[in-house]
N, C-alpha and C. Protein backbone atom coordinates (compact mmCIF):
# COMPACT_ATOMS: atom_id res chain seq x y z
N UNK A 1 86.67 96.94 73.10
CA UNK A 1 86.84 95.59 74.45
C UNK A 1 87.93 97.05 75.07
N UNK A 2 86.87 95.90 76.36
CA UNK A 2 87.52 96.61 77.93
C UNK A 2 88.13 96.32 77.89
N UNK A 3 89.39 97.60 78.58
CA UNK A 3 90.78 97.35 78.87
C UNK A 3 91.20 98.24 80.00
N UNK A 4 92.04 96.97 81.06
CA UNK A 4 92.26 97.72 82.30
C UNK A 4 93.43 98.65 82.46
N UNK A 5 94.30 99.51 82.92
CA UNK A 5 95.13 99.73 83.23
C UNK A 5 95.62 100.51 84.58
N UNK A 6 96.74 99.83 85.27
CA UNK A 6 96.48 99.81 86.25
C UNK A 6 97.85 99.36 86.23
N UNK A 7 97.96 100.15 87.89
CA UNK A 7 99.12 99.76 88.70
C UNK A 7 99.68 99.39 90.10
N UNK A 8 100.50 99.01 90.42
CA UNK A 8 99.91 98.11 91.56
C UNK A 8 101.37 98.68 92.68
N UNK A 9 101.44 98.82 93.81
CA UNK A 9 102.50 99.49 94.52
C UNK A 9 102.13 98.67 95.88
N UNK A 10 103.56 98.00 96.88
CA UNK A 10 103.74 97.86 97.94
C UNK A 10 103.35 99.37 98.81
N UNK A 11 103.03 99.67 100.06
CA UNK A 11 103.09 100.92 101.23
C UNK A 11 104.25 100.65 101.77
N UNK A 12 104.66 102.53 102.27
CA UNK A 12 105.20 102.22 102.87
C UNK A 12 104.84 103.81 104.16
N UNK A 13 104.82 103.09 105.35
CA UNK A 13 103.80 103.19 106.45
C UNK A 13 102.41 103.56 106.00
N UNK A 14 102.21 103.94 106.91
CA UNK A 14 100.40 104.44 107.57
C UNK A 14 100.36 105.49 107.19
N UNK A 15 100.44 107.07 106.89
CA UNK A 15 100.52 108.33 106.06
C UNK A 15 99.20 108.37 105.30
N UNK A 16 99.05 107.28 104.85
CA UNK A 16 97.36 107.04 103.64
C UNK A 16 96.59 107.10 104.86
N UNK A 17 96.86 106.75 106.11
CA UNK A 17 95.38 105.97 106.65
C UNK A 17 94.46 107.71 106.48
N UNK A 18 95.23 108.75 107.64
CA UNK A 18 94.15 110.11 107.59
C UNK A 18 93.66 110.17 106.03
N UNK A 19 94.55 109.86 105.02
CA UNK A 19 93.63 110.58 103.87
C UNK A 19 92.40 109.50 104.01
N UNK A 20 91.71 108.19 104.67
CA UNK A 20 90.34 106.97 103.58
C UNK A 20 89.59 108.09 103.94
N UNK A 21 88.58 108.24 102.42
CA UNK A 21 87.66 108.89 102.22
C UNK A 21 86.45 107.25 102.45
N UNK A 22 86.97 106.42 101.99
CA UNK A 22 85.73 104.99 102.46
C UNK A 22 86.11 103.61 102.39
N UNK A 23 85.52 103.30 103.51
CA UNK A 23 86.38 101.54 103.44
C UNK A 23 85.42 100.61 102.90
N UNK A 24 85.86 99.50 102.43
CA UNK A 24 84.20 98.75 102.63
C UNK A 24 84.97 96.88 102.47
N UNK A 25 84.77 95.90 102.68
CA UNK A 25 84.97 94.68 103.38
C UNK A 25 84.47 94.12 102.25
N UNK A 26 85.81 92.65 101.20
CA UNK A 26 84.78 92.16 100.08
C UNK A 26 85.60 90.87 100.21
N UNK A 27 84.85 90.27 99.44
CA UNK A 27 85.46 88.99 99.59
C UNK A 27 84.95 88.55 98.10
N UNK A 28 86.35 87.44 97.27
CA UNK A 28 86.40 87.76 95.98
C UNK A 28 86.87 85.89 95.78
N UNK A 29 86.89 85.27 94.96
CA UNK A 29 86.45 84.05 94.64
C UNK A 29 86.95 83.93 93.35
N UNK A 30 87.68 82.59 93.44
CA UNK A 30 88.01 82.41 91.59
C UNK A 30 87.82 81.26 91.03
N UNK A 31 87.04 80.89 90.07
CA UNK A 31 86.20 79.94 89.34
C UNK A 31 87.50 79.41 88.05
N UNK A 32 89.24 79.58 87.88
CA UNK A 32 89.82 79.40 87.33
C UNK A 32 90.06 79.60 85.44
N UNK A 33 90.84 79.10 85.11
CA UNK A 33 90.69 79.11 83.50
C UNK A 33 92.47 79.79 83.13
N UNK A 34 92.78 78.43 82.21
CA UNK A 34 94.37 79.20 81.69
C UNK A 34 94.82 80.35 81.09
N UNK A 35 93.57 80.65 80.55
CA UNK A 35 93.73 82.12 79.87
C UNK A 35 93.56 83.39 80.63
N UNK A 36 92.52 83.26 81.11
CA UNK A 36 92.07 84.30 82.48
C UNK A 36 91.78 84.05 84.09
N UNK A 37 91.45 84.92 84.48
CA UNK A 37 90.62 84.92 85.99
C UNK A 37 89.48 85.35 85.68
N UNK A 38 88.37 83.81 86.01
CA UNK A 38 87.26 84.34 86.54
C UNK A 38 86.66 84.84 88.23
N UNK A 39 86.26 86.11 88.45
CA UNK A 39 86.55 85.76 90.13
C UNK A 39 84.99 85.93 90.03
N UNK A 40 83.72 86.12 91.25
CA UNK A 40 82.84 86.54 92.11
C UNK A 40 83.69 88.19 93.39
N UNK A 41 83.22 88.59 92.81
CA UNK A 41 83.55 89.77 94.92
C UNK A 41 81.83 90.16 95.10
N UNK A 42 82.12 90.42 96.26
CA UNK A 42 80.91 90.45 96.94
C UNK A 42 81.78 91.92 98.07
N UNK A 43 80.78 92.88 98.02
CA UNK A 43 81.22 93.81 98.42
C UNK A 43 80.51 95.12 99.07
N UNK A 44 79.86 94.76 100.39
CA UNK A 44 79.01 94.50 101.08
C UNK A 44 77.14 94.33 100.32
N UNK A 45 76.40 95.38 100.30
CA UNK A 45 75.30 94.20 99.66
C UNK A 45 75.16 94.41 97.99
N UNK A 46 76.21 94.57 96.85
CA UNK A 46 76.93 94.70 96.20
C UNK A 46 77.50 93.30 95.43
N UNK A 47 77.15 93.14 94.25
CA UNK A 47 78.09 91.57 93.36
C UNK A 47 78.29 91.94 91.85
N UNK A 48 79.10 91.03 92.14
CA UNK A 48 79.65 91.17 90.65
C UNK A 48 80.79 89.69 90.36
N UNK A 49 80.69 89.41 88.45
CA UNK A 49 81.11 88.90 87.74
C UNK A 49 82.16 90.07 87.54
N UNK A 50 84.05 88.90 86.97
CA UNK A 50 84.80 89.74 86.77
C UNK A 50 86.26 88.69 85.92
N UNK A 51 85.54 88.72 84.60
CA UNK A 51 87.57 87.67 83.53
C UNK A 51 88.10 89.29 83.59
N UNK A 52 89.10 88.47 83.75
CA UNK A 52 90.30 89.32 83.46
C UNK A 52 91.49 88.22 83.26
N UNK A 53 91.86 89.31 81.92
CA UNK A 53 92.96 88.45 80.70
C UNK A 53 94.10 88.34 81.82
N UNK A 54 95.17 87.29 82.28
CA UNK A 54 95.68 86.84 82.87
C UNK A 54 97.27 87.38 83.07
N UNK A 55 97.62 88.41 81.91
CA UNK A 55 98.76 88.84 81.04
C UNK A 55 99.45 89.38 82.57
N UNK A 56 100.43 90.06 83.04
CA UNK A 56 101.10 90.97 83.81
C UNK A 56 101.41 91.91 83.33
N UNK A 57 101.24 92.83 83.71
CA UNK A 57 101.74 94.34 83.63
C UNK A 57 100.50 95.70 83.59
N UNK A 58 101.03 96.67 82.81
CA UNK A 58 99.93 97.83 83.11
C UNK A 58 98.62 98.05 82.75
N UNK A 59 98.54 97.24 81.45
CA UNK A 59 97.00 96.97 80.89
C UNK A 59 96.74 95.26 81.01
N UNK A 60 95.60 94.85 80.72
CA UNK A 60 95.04 94.01 80.83
C UNK A 60 93.43 93.92 80.47
N UNK A 61 93.04 92.90 79.18
CA UNK A 61 91.32 93.11 79.86
C UNK A 61 90.69 92.74 80.57
N UNK A 62 89.21 93.62 80.66
CA UNK A 62 88.46 93.29 81.81
C UNK A 62 87.59 93.41 81.85
N UNK A 63 86.54 92.38 82.14
CA UNK A 63 85.38 92.59 81.88
C UNK A 63 84.21 91.99 83.13
N UNK A 64 83.70 93.27 83.29
CA UNK A 64 82.57 93.23 84.49
C UNK A 64 81.19 93.20 84.61
N UNK A 65 80.58 92.15 85.54
CA UNK A 65 79.24 92.86 85.23
C UNK A 65 78.88 92.34 86.59
N UNK A 66 77.69 92.95 86.74
CA UNK A 66 76.69 92.65 87.93
C UNK A 66 76.21 91.44 87.95
N UNK A 67 75.71 91.09 89.36
CA UNK A 67 75.36 89.64 89.69
C UNK A 67 74.34 89.66 90.71
N UNK A 68 73.58 89.09 91.30
CA UNK A 68 72.57 89.24 92.25
C UNK A 68 73.73 88.50 93.80
N UNK A 69 73.38 89.11 94.19
CA UNK A 69 74.03 88.81 95.80
C UNK A 69 74.50 87.55 96.13
N UNK A 70 72.96 86.86 95.95
CA UNK A 70 72.12 85.91 96.78
C UNK A 70 73.68 85.14 95.58
N UNK A 71 73.19 84.84 94.71
CA UNK A 71 74.18 84.54 93.47
C UNK A 71 75.59 84.22 93.39
N UNK A 72 76.10 84.78 93.71
CA UNK A 72 77.60 85.23 94.29
C UNK A 72 78.07 84.87 95.51
N UNK A 73 76.87 84.58 96.88
CA UNK A 73 77.04 83.62 97.56
C UNK A 73 77.65 82.74 97.64
N UNK A 74 76.60 82.30 97.02
CA UNK A 74 76.47 80.96 96.13
C UNK A 74 77.45 80.12 95.46
N UNK A 75 77.95 81.06 94.67
CA UNK A 75 79.41 80.86 93.85
C UNK A 75 80.57 80.95 94.61
N UNK A 76 80.68 81.89 95.65
CA UNK A 76 81.80 81.46 96.66
C UNK A 76 81.86 80.69 97.15
N UNK A 77 80.19 80.46 97.64
CA UNK A 77 80.66 78.63 98.29
C UNK A 77 80.64 77.44 97.93
N UNK A 78 79.35 77.38 96.70
CA UNK A 78 79.73 75.95 95.45
C UNK A 78 81.10 76.15 94.49
N UNK A 79 81.73 77.19 94.56
CA UNK A 79 82.25 76.99 93.06
C UNK A 79 84.02 77.05 93.01
N UNK A 80 84.25 77.98 94.88
CA UNK A 80 85.44 78.62 94.38
C UNK A 80 86.42 77.66 95.56
N UNK A 81 85.59 77.09 96.93
CA UNK A 81 85.54 76.25 97.22
C UNK A 81 87.34 77.10 98.57
N UNK A 82 88.24 76.62 98.14
CA UNK A 82 89.13 77.67 99.11
C UNK A 82 90.08 78.62 98.07
N UNK A 83 89.19 78.69 96.89
CA UNK A 83 89.93 80.22 96.36
C UNK A 83 89.63 81.80 96.39
N UNK A 84 89.49 81.98 97.72
CA UNK A 84 89.09 82.97 97.82
C UNK A 84 89.50 83.83 98.78
N UNK A 85 89.87 85.74 98.73
CA UNK A 85 90.19 86.16 99.11
C UNK A 85 89.48 87.05 99.74
N UNK A 86 90.02 87.82 101.10
CA UNK A 86 89.26 88.27 101.69
C UNK A 86 89.74 89.90 101.90
N UNK A 87 89.20 91.12 101.69
CA UNK A 87 90.53 92.15 102.11
C UNK A 87 89.89 92.98 102.53
N UNK A 88 90.29 94.53 103.08
CA UNK A 88 89.11 95.75 103.13
C UNK A 88 89.71 96.67 101.81
N UNK A 89 89.21 96.95 101.16
CA UNK A 89 89.20 97.95 100.08
C UNK A 89 88.79 99.40 100.65
N UNK A 90 90.32 100.68 101.10
CA UNK A 90 90.11 101.91 101.43
C UNK A 90 90.25 102.59 99.71
N UNK A 91 89.35 103.96 100.09
CA UNK A 91 89.64 104.75 98.93
C UNK A 91 90.75 106.03 99.36
N UNK A 92 91.38 106.36 98.59
CA UNK A 92 92.32 107.15 99.32
C UNK A 92 92.52 107.88 98.09
N UNK A 93 91.78 109.40 98.23
CA UNK A 93 92.61 110.71 97.03
C UNK A 93 93.78 110.95 97.06
N UNK A 94 93.99 111.75 96.18
CA UNK A 94 96.63 111.91 96.84
C UNK A 94 96.50 112.53 94.88
N UNK A 95 96.35 113.94 94.62
CA UNK A 95 96.72 115.09 93.88
C UNK A 95 95.38 114.70 92.80
N UNK A 96 94.51 114.28 92.83
CA UNK A 96 93.75 114.39 91.84
C UNK A 96 93.22 113.00 91.57
N UNK A 97 94.19 111.95 92.69
CA UNK A 97 93.67 110.57 91.74
C UNK A 97 92.75 109.81 92.48
N UNK A 98 92.57 108.80 92.57
CA UNK A 98 91.48 108.37 94.03
C UNK A 98 92.93 106.68 93.65
N UNK A 99 92.63 106.68 94.43
CA UNK A 99 94.07 105.30 94.85
C UNK A 99 93.28 104.14 95.95
N UNK A 100 93.19 103.19 95.17
CA UNK A 100 92.11 102.16 96.42
C UNK A 100 93.41 101.27 96.85
N UNK A 101 93.41 101.00 98.36
CA UNK A 101 94.41 100.41 99.05
C UNK A 101 93.95 98.76 99.53
N UNK A 102 94.09 98.60 99.24
CA UNK A 102 93.33 96.39 99.64
C UNK A 102 94.58 96.23 101.24
N UNK A 103 93.58 96.03 101.71
CA UNK A 103 94.65 95.37 103.17
C UNK A 103 94.28 94.12 103.70
N UNK A 104 94.75 93.40 103.34
CA UNK A 104 94.52 91.60 103.29
C UNK A 104 94.02 90.93 104.14
N UNK A 105 93.04 90.21 104.52
CA UNK A 105 92.59 88.69 105.95
C UNK A 105 93.11 88.05 105.79
N UNK A 106 92.74 87.32 106.67
CA UNK A 106 93.40 85.39 106.57
C UNK A 106 94.66 85.60 106.43
N UNK A 107 94.92 84.56 105.03
CA UNK A 107 96.04 84.00 105.12
C UNK A 107 96.91 84.90 104.25
N UNK A 108 96.37 86.02 104.40
CA UNK A 108 96.55 87.18 103.55
C UNK A 108 97.29 88.66 104.38
N UNK A 109 96.80 87.94 105.32
CA UNK A 109 97.26 89.52 106.69
C UNK A 109 98.87 89.92 106.32
N UNK A 110 98.33 91.09 106.38
CA UNK A 110 99.72 91.71 106.45
C UNK A 110 99.88 92.45 104.60
N UNK A 111 99.26 91.53 104.03
CA UNK A 111 99.99 92.52 102.61
C UNK A 111 99.19 93.73 103.43
N UNK A 112 99.58 94.67 102.09
CA UNK A 112 98.85 95.59 101.92
C UNK A 112 99.35 96.03 100.33
N UNK A 113 97.94 96.15 99.58
CA UNK A 113 98.65 96.46 97.82
C UNK A 113 97.90 97.78 97.54
N UNK A 114 98.46 98.86 97.42
CA UNK A 114 97.36 100.12 96.49
C UNK A 114 97.90 100.04 95.02
N UNK A 115 96.79 100.33 94.37
CA UNK A 115 96.06 100.32 93.06
C UNK A 115 95.80 100.86 92.47
N UNK A 116 96.72 101.76 90.98
CA UNK A 116 95.68 102.67 90.99
C UNK A 116 95.77 102.67 89.45
N UNK A 117 93.52 102.98 89.22
CA UNK A 117 93.52 102.66 87.06
C UNK A 117 94.11 104.45 87.15
N UNK A 118 94.78 103.94 85.44
CA UNK A 118 95.25 104.52 84.60
C UNK A 118 94.03 104.78 83.35
N UNK A 119 94.35 105.98 82.95
CA UNK A 119 93.54 106.31 80.90
C UNK A 119 94.66 105.77 80.11
N UNK A 120 95.87 105.26 80.01
CA UNK A 120 97.01 105.51 78.92
C UNK A 120 98.08 104.81 80.28
N UNK A 121 98.83 103.98 79.46
CA UNK A 121 99.96 103.16 80.02
C UNK A 121 101.06 104.31 81.06
N UNK A 122 100.96 105.36 79.24
CA UNK A 122 102.21 106.37 79.94
C UNK A 122 101.61 107.89 81.22
N UNK A 123 100.43 107.46 81.54
CA UNK A 123 100.05 108.88 82.10
C UNK A 123 100.24 109.35 83.46
N UNK A 124 101.36 110.38 83.41
CA UNK A 124 101.82 110.73 84.68
C UNK A 124 100.72 110.73 86.17
N UNK A 125 101.77 110.92 87.10
CA UNK A 125 101.17 110.92 88.58
C UNK A 125 101.95 111.23 89.03
N UNK A 126 101.07 112.22 90.21
CA UNK A 126 102.11 112.59 91.39
C UNK A 126 102.17 111.34 92.63
N UNK A 127 103.17 110.95 92.89
CA UNK A 127 103.67 109.38 93.93
C UNK A 127 103.46 110.12 95.28
N UNK A 128 102.81 109.39 96.10
CA UNK A 128 102.47 109.52 97.16
C UNK A 128 103.62 109.95 98.30
N UNK A 129 103.81 110.32 98.82
CA UNK A 129 104.96 110.19 100.52
C UNK A 129 104.92 108.40 100.59
N UNK A 130 103.56 108.15 101.03
CA UNK A 130 103.36 106.60 101.64
C UNK A 130 103.71 105.57 100.43
N UNK A 131 104.10 106.35 99.04
CA UNK A 131 104.17 104.75 98.26
C UNK A 131 104.77 104.54 98.26
N UNK A 132 105.47 102.90 98.10
CA UNK A 132 106.65 102.01 98.18
C UNK A 132 106.55 101.41 96.44
N UNK A 133 108.12 100.33 96.54
CA UNK A 133 107.94 99.80 95.22
C UNK A 133 106.28 99.68 94.48
N UNK A 134 106.54 99.02 93.40
CA UNK A 134 106.33 99.35 92.39
C UNK A 134 106.81 97.50 92.51
N UNK A 135 104.93 97.54 92.08
CA UNK A 135 104.84 95.30 91.76
C UNK A 135 103.79 95.07 91.09
N UNK A 136 103.69 96.47 89.67
CA UNK A 136 102.81 95.68 89.13
C UNK A 136 103.49 94.56 87.89
N UNK A 137 104.03 94.09 87.58
CA UNK A 137 105.06 93.27 86.80
C UNK A 137 105.49 92.10 87.80
N UNK A 138 105.04 91.78 88.75
CA UNK A 138 105.42 90.34 89.67
C UNK A 138 103.96 89.93 90.58
N UNK A 139 103.94 88.56 88.95
CA UNK A 139 102.41 88.17 89.73
C UNK A 139 102.09 86.98 90.82
N UNK A 140 102.75 87.72 92.26
CA UNK A 140 102.60 86.96 93.11
C UNK A 140 101.38 88.24 94.23
N UNK A 141 101.67 89.43 93.39
CA UNK A 141 101.24 90.46 94.08
C UNK A 141 99.50 90.22 93.89
N UNK A 142 99.72 89.05 92.24
CA UNK A 142 97.74 89.69 91.69
C UNK A 142 97.21 88.49 93.47
N UNK A 143 95.83 88.76 92.98
CA UNK A 143 94.54 88.71 93.25
C UNK A 143 94.78 86.66 93.39
N UNK A 144 94.52 86.71 91.78
CA UNK A 144 94.31 85.65 91.79
C UNK A 144 96.01 84.91 92.16
N UNK A 145 96.60 85.31 91.84
CA UNK A 145 98.02 84.61 93.16
C UNK A 145 98.19 84.02 94.36
N UNK A 146 97.47 84.86 94.75
CA UNK A 146 97.48 84.72 97.08
C UNK A 146 96.39 83.69 97.04
N UNK A 147 95.21 83.19 95.94
CA UNK A 147 94.32 81.72 96.87
C UNK A 147 94.91 80.61 96.65
N UNK A 148 96.48 80.92 95.84
CA UNK A 148 96.62 79.18 95.95
C UNK A 148 98.23 79.63 96.89
N UNK A 149 98.97 80.68 96.31
CA UNK A 149 100.08 80.92 97.30
C UNK A 149 100.02 82.05 98.25
N UNK A 150 99.87 81.96 99.23
CA UNK A 150 99.09 83.76 100.24
C UNK A 150 100.37 83.90 100.97
N UNK A 151 100.82 85.04 101.43
CA UNK A 151 101.47 86.05 101.45
C UNK A 151 102.12 84.78 102.99
N UNK A 152 101.03 84.79 103.75
CA UNK A 152 101.16 83.64 104.70
C UNK A 152 102.58 82.74 104.64
N UNK A 153 102.61 82.28 102.64
CA UNK A 153 103.35 81.76 103.04
C UNK A 153 104.70 82.16 102.60
N UNK A 154 104.78 82.56 102.63
CA UNK A 154 106.42 83.78 101.32
C UNK A 154 107.31 83.94 102.66
N UNK A 155 107.92 83.66 101.78
CA UNK A 155 110.10 83.18 102.43
C UNK A 155 109.41 85.52 102.64
N UNK A 156 110.50 85.57 104.41
CA UNK A 156 110.80 87.15 104.38
C UNK A 156 111.49 87.21 103.85
N UNK A 157 111.38 88.01 102.91
CA UNK A 157 113.43 88.46 101.82
C UNK A 157 112.85 89.64 101.43
N UNK A 158 113.71 90.41 100.98
CA UNK A 158 113.71 91.49 101.05
C UNK A 158 113.21 91.82 99.57
N UNK A 159 112.49 90.98 98.34
CA UNK A 159 111.06 91.33 97.54
C UNK A 159 109.66 90.74 98.15
N UNK A 160 109.41 91.41 99.05
CA UNK A 160 108.47 91.65 99.76
C UNK A 160 108.10 93.22 100.60
N UNK A 161 109.44 93.86 100.79
CA UNK A 161 109.26 94.81 101.79
C UNK A 161 108.95 96.35 100.39
N UNK A 162 108.37 97.53 101.02
CA UNK A 162 107.88 98.16 100.31
C UNK A 162 109.17 99.98 99.99
C-alpha cells in the first residue's frame, strides 16, 4: 500500500528564497470523488495522475502514475473545468531535508505553503527559521479544497497568518 506522510506549514518571511535549488510552474486539476481526490498534474514536460485519500493529517494513502502530457492537457481542459490550482513549486534543502514550497497563483495568489515528506509520522526534523505555523490538520490548506474555496475568498483572520 502506498502511503504519503507529509506535514504542511505556513511561512514566516522570505528567508527561504535564497536557498531555492529549483522551481517549476505547475497546474493541477481535480476530477472529484467522495473518498479520494483524483488529480491530473502537469509540471514542465511531465504529467501524472494522482489519487489521494481525503482524510486530514500527516499520513494518507497516495498513488501516482505518469501519463502523457497531451492527455493531461485534455483532462485539465475537458474534465476539470474550474477545479484547477496553479502554483510554482520551489525545492529548498534545509538540514538534510527537502522542503517543497508552493507559491499559489490566480485565485490563490498570496498563499505560500511549505510541505515536508517524511518516512515516519514521528520522524524528527529541524525547523527552519522561516517556518511558521503548522496547518497539516486544516483542510482549507489542501490543494483539493483550494479549488472550491480559494484563498482570495478567505477572511483576513488570525488563522491565515504564519
